[in-house]
């Protein structure tokens, strides 16, 4: 059975059954063990530098947007 067929069958379920499917899907661990990546965040300085780079690269677009 293809994923599309599974999706269509889920769509046809009564609301209570769909809720069980949704709960099950949320509990799935879709990444194989050992391949999980640590969630990282940019520092304030990195975020500011990235923003400045985008502004510099697309200054004409931002100038037009500001009008």
N, C-alpha and C. Protein backbone atom coordinates (compact mmCIF):
# COMPACT_ATOMS: atom_id res chain seq x y z
N UNK A 1 0.85 -1.16 0.00
CA UNK A 1 0.00 0.00 0.00
C UNK A 1 0.91 1.24 0.00
N UNK A 2 0.58 2.20 -0.84
CA UNK A 2 1.39 3.41 -0.93
C UNK A 2 1.00 4.39 0.18
N UNK A 3 1.86 5.37 0.39
CA UNK A 3 1.58 6.40 1.39
C UNK A 3 0.30 7.15 1.02
N UNK A 4 0.12 7.41 -0.25
CA UNK A 4 -1.08 8.13 -0.69
C UNK A 4 -2.35 7.33 -0.35
N UNK A 5 -2.28 6.02 -0.53
CA UNK A 5 -3.43 5.18 -0.18
C UNK A 5 -3.69 5.22 1.33
N UNK A 6 -2.64 5.19 2.10
CA UNK A 6 -2.79 5.27 3.56
C UNK A 6 -3.43 6.60 3.94
N UNK A 7 -2.96 7.68 3.34
CA UNK A 7 -3.51 9.00 3.63
C UNK A 7 -4.99 9.05 3.29
N UNK A 8 -5.36 8.53 2.14
CA UNK A 8 -6.77 8.54 1.74
C UNK A 8 -7.62 7.73 2.71
N UNK A 9 -7.10 6.61 3.19
CA UNK A 9 -7.85 5.80 4.15
C UNK A 9 -7.99 6.54 5.49
N UNK A 10 -6.93 7.24 5.88
CA UNK A 10 -7.00 8.01 7.13
C UNK A 10 -8.05 9.11 7.01
N UNK A 11 -8.08 9.78 5.85
CA UNK A 11 -9.07 10.83 5.64
C UNK A 11 -10.50 10.31 5.77
N UNK A 12 -10.71 9.04 5.44
CA UNK A 12 -12.05 8.45 5.47
C UNK A 12 -12.47 8.00 6.87
N UNK A 13 -11.57 8.01 7.81
CA UNK A 13 -11.88 7.55 9.17
C UNK A 13 -12.79 8.53 9.89
N UNK A 14 -13.56 8.01 10.86
CA UNK A 14 -14.35 8.91 11.72
C UNK A 14 -13.39 9.74 12.59
N UNK A 15 -13.84 10.88 13.07
CA UNK A 15 -12.97 11.79 13.84
C UNK A 15 -12.21 11.14 15.00
N UNK A 16 -12.85 10.28 15.75
CA UNK A 16 -12.16 9.64 16.89
C UNK A 16 -11.01 8.76 16.42
N UNK A 17 -11.22 8.05 15.32
CA UNK A 17 -10.17 7.19 14.78
C UNK A 17 -9.03 8.03 14.21
N UNK A 18 -9.37 9.13 13.54
CA UNK A 18 -8.33 10.03 13.02
C UNK A 18 -7.47 10.57 14.16
N UNK A 19 -8.11 10.90 15.28
CA UNK A 19 -7.39 11.42 16.43
C UNK A 19 -6.37 10.40 16.94
N UNK A 20 -6.74 9.13 16.93
CA UNK A 20 -5.80 8.09 17.35
C UNK A 20 -4.62 7.99 16.40
N UNK A 21 -4.88 8.13 15.10
CA UNK A 21 -3.81 8.09 14.11
C UNK A 21 -2.87 9.27 14.32
N UNK A 22 -3.43 10.45 14.53
CA UNK A 22 -2.62 11.64 14.74
C UNK A 22 -1.75 11.47 15.98
N UNK A 23 -2.33 10.96 17.03
CA UNK A 23 -1.57 10.73 18.27
C UNK A 23 -0.42 9.75 18.02
N UNK A 24 -0.69 8.69 17.28
CA UNK A 24 0.34 7.71 16.96
C UNK A 24 1.46 8.35 16.15
N UNK A 25 1.11 9.11 15.14
CA UNK A 25 2.12 9.73 14.28
C UNK A 25 3.00 10.68 15.08
N UNK A 26 2.40 11.43 16.01
CA UNK A 26 3.18 12.34 16.83
C UNK A 26 4.17 11.60 17.72
N UNK A 27 3.88 10.38 18.04
CA UNK A 27 4.75 9.61 18.92
C UNK A 27 5.87 8.90 18.16
N UNK A 28 5.76 8.84 16.84
CA UNK A 28 6.78 8.16 16.06
C UNK A 28 8.12 8.88 16.14
N UNK A 29 9.16 8.11 16.17
CA UNK A 29 10.51 8.67 16.11
C UNK A 29 10.97 8.43 14.68
N UNK A 30 10.97 9.45 13.87
CA UNK A 30 11.23 9.27 12.45
C UNK A 30 12.71 9.22 12.11
N UNK A 31 13.58 9.57 13.04
CA UNK A 31 15.01 9.51 12.78
C UNK A 31 15.60 8.26 13.41
N UNK A 32 16.37 7.52 12.63
CA UNK A 32 17.02 6.34 13.20
C UNK A 32 17.96 6.75 14.33
N UNK A 33 18.11 5.87 15.31
CA UNK A 33 18.99 6.19 16.43
C UNK A 33 20.41 6.40 15.92
N UNK A 34 21.10 7.33 16.54
CA UNK A 34 22.46 7.64 16.13
C UNK A 34 22.54 8.74 15.10
N UNK A 35 21.43 9.08 14.45
CA UNK A 35 21.48 10.13 13.44
C UNK A 35 20.82 11.42 13.92
N UNK A 36 20.44 11.45 15.18
CA UNK A 36 19.81 12.65 15.71
C UNK A 36 20.84 13.77 15.80
N UNK A 37 20.43 14.94 15.36
CA UNK A 37 21.31 16.09 15.42
C UNK A 37 20.87 16.98 16.57
N UNK A 38 21.86 17.55 17.21
CA UNK A 38 21.58 18.46 18.31
C UNK A 38 21.01 19.76 17.76
N UNK A 39 19.98 20.26 18.38
CA UNK A 39 19.38 21.52 17.99
C UNK A 39 20.28 22.65 18.44
N UNK A 40 20.68 23.49 17.48
CA UNK A 40 21.57 24.60 17.81
C UNK A 40 20.91 25.91 17.43
N UNK A 41 21.27 26.94 18.13
CA UNK A 41 20.76 28.27 17.86
C UNK A 41 21.93 29.20 17.58
N UNK A 42 21.68 30.18 16.72
CA UNK A 42 22.71 31.18 16.45
C UNK A 42 22.83 32.11 17.65
N UNK A 43 24.04 32.58 17.88
CA UNK A 43 24.23 33.59 18.92
C UNK A 43 23.64 34.90 18.41
N UNK A 44 23.48 35.86 19.29
CA UNK A 44 22.98 37.17 18.88
C UNK A 44 23.88 37.78 17.81
N UNK A 45 25.17 37.61 17.99
CA UNK A 45 26.13 38.18 17.04
C UNK A 45 26.00 37.50 15.67
N UNK A 46 25.86 36.18 15.66
CA UNK A 46 25.70 35.45 14.40
C UNK A 46 24.42 35.84 13.69
N UNK A 47 23.33 35.98 14.44
CA UNK A 47 22.05 36.36 13.86
C UNK A 47 22.13 37.76 13.26
N UNK A 48 22.75 38.69 13.99
CA UNK A 48 22.89 40.06 13.50
C UNK A 48 23.75 40.08 12.24
N UNK A 49 24.86 39.33 12.22
CA UNK A 49 25.73 39.29 11.06
C UNK A 49 24.99 38.71 9.84
N UNK A 50 24.20 37.67 10.07
CA UNK A 50 23.44 37.06 8.97
C UNK A 50 22.40 38.05 8.44
N UNK A 51 21.72 38.76 9.32
CA UNK A 51 20.74 39.76 8.91
C UNK A 51 21.38 40.87 8.11
N UNK A 52 22.54 41.35 8.59
CA UNK A 52 23.25 42.40 7.86
C UNK A 52 23.69 41.94 6.48
N UNK A 53 24.11 40.68 6.39
CA UNK A 53 24.54 40.12 5.10
C UNK A 53 23.37 40.10 4.12
N UNK A 54 22.21 39.68 4.59
CA UNK A 54 21.02 39.64 3.73
C UNK A 54 20.64 41.05 3.29
N UNK A 55 20.63 41.98 4.23
CA UNK A 55 20.31 43.37 3.89
C UNK A 55 21.27 43.92 2.85
N UNK A 56 22.55 43.62 3.01
CA UNK A 56 23.56 44.12 2.09
C UNK A 56 23.38 43.50 0.70
N UNK A 57 23.13 42.20 0.65
CA UNK A 57 22.98 41.50 -0.62
C UNK A 57 21.72 41.92 -1.37
N UNK A 58 20.70 42.32 -0.65
CA UNK A 58 19.40 42.64 -1.28
C UNK A 58 18.95 44.04 -0.92
N UNK A 59 19.89 44.96 -0.86
CA UNK A 59 19.57 46.32 -0.42
C UNK A 59 18.54 46.99 -1.32
N UNK A 60 18.60 46.76 -2.63
CA UNK A 60 17.64 47.39 -3.54
C UNK A 60 16.22 46.89 -3.26
N UNK A 61 16.06 45.60 -2.99
CA UNK A 61 14.74 45.04 -2.69
C UNK A 61 14.19 45.67 -1.40
N UNK A 62 15.02 45.76 -0.39
CA UNK A 62 14.55 46.35 0.88
C UNK A 62 14.25 47.83 0.72
N UNK A 63 15.02 48.52 -0.12
CA UNK A 63 14.77 49.94 -0.37
C UNK A 63 13.38 50.10 -1.02
N UNK A 64 13.06 49.24 -1.98
CA UNK A 64 11.74 49.30 -2.65
C UNK A 64 10.62 48.93 -1.68
N UNK A 65 10.85 47.95 -0.83
CA UNK A 65 9.85 47.56 0.15
C UNK A 65 9.57 48.68 1.16
N UNK A 66 10.57 49.47 1.44
CA UNK A 66 10.42 50.53 2.43
C UNK A 66 9.63 51.73 1.88
N UNK A 67 9.47 51.81 0.58
CA UNK A 67 8.76 52.96 -0.03
C UNK A 67 7.28 52.89 0.20
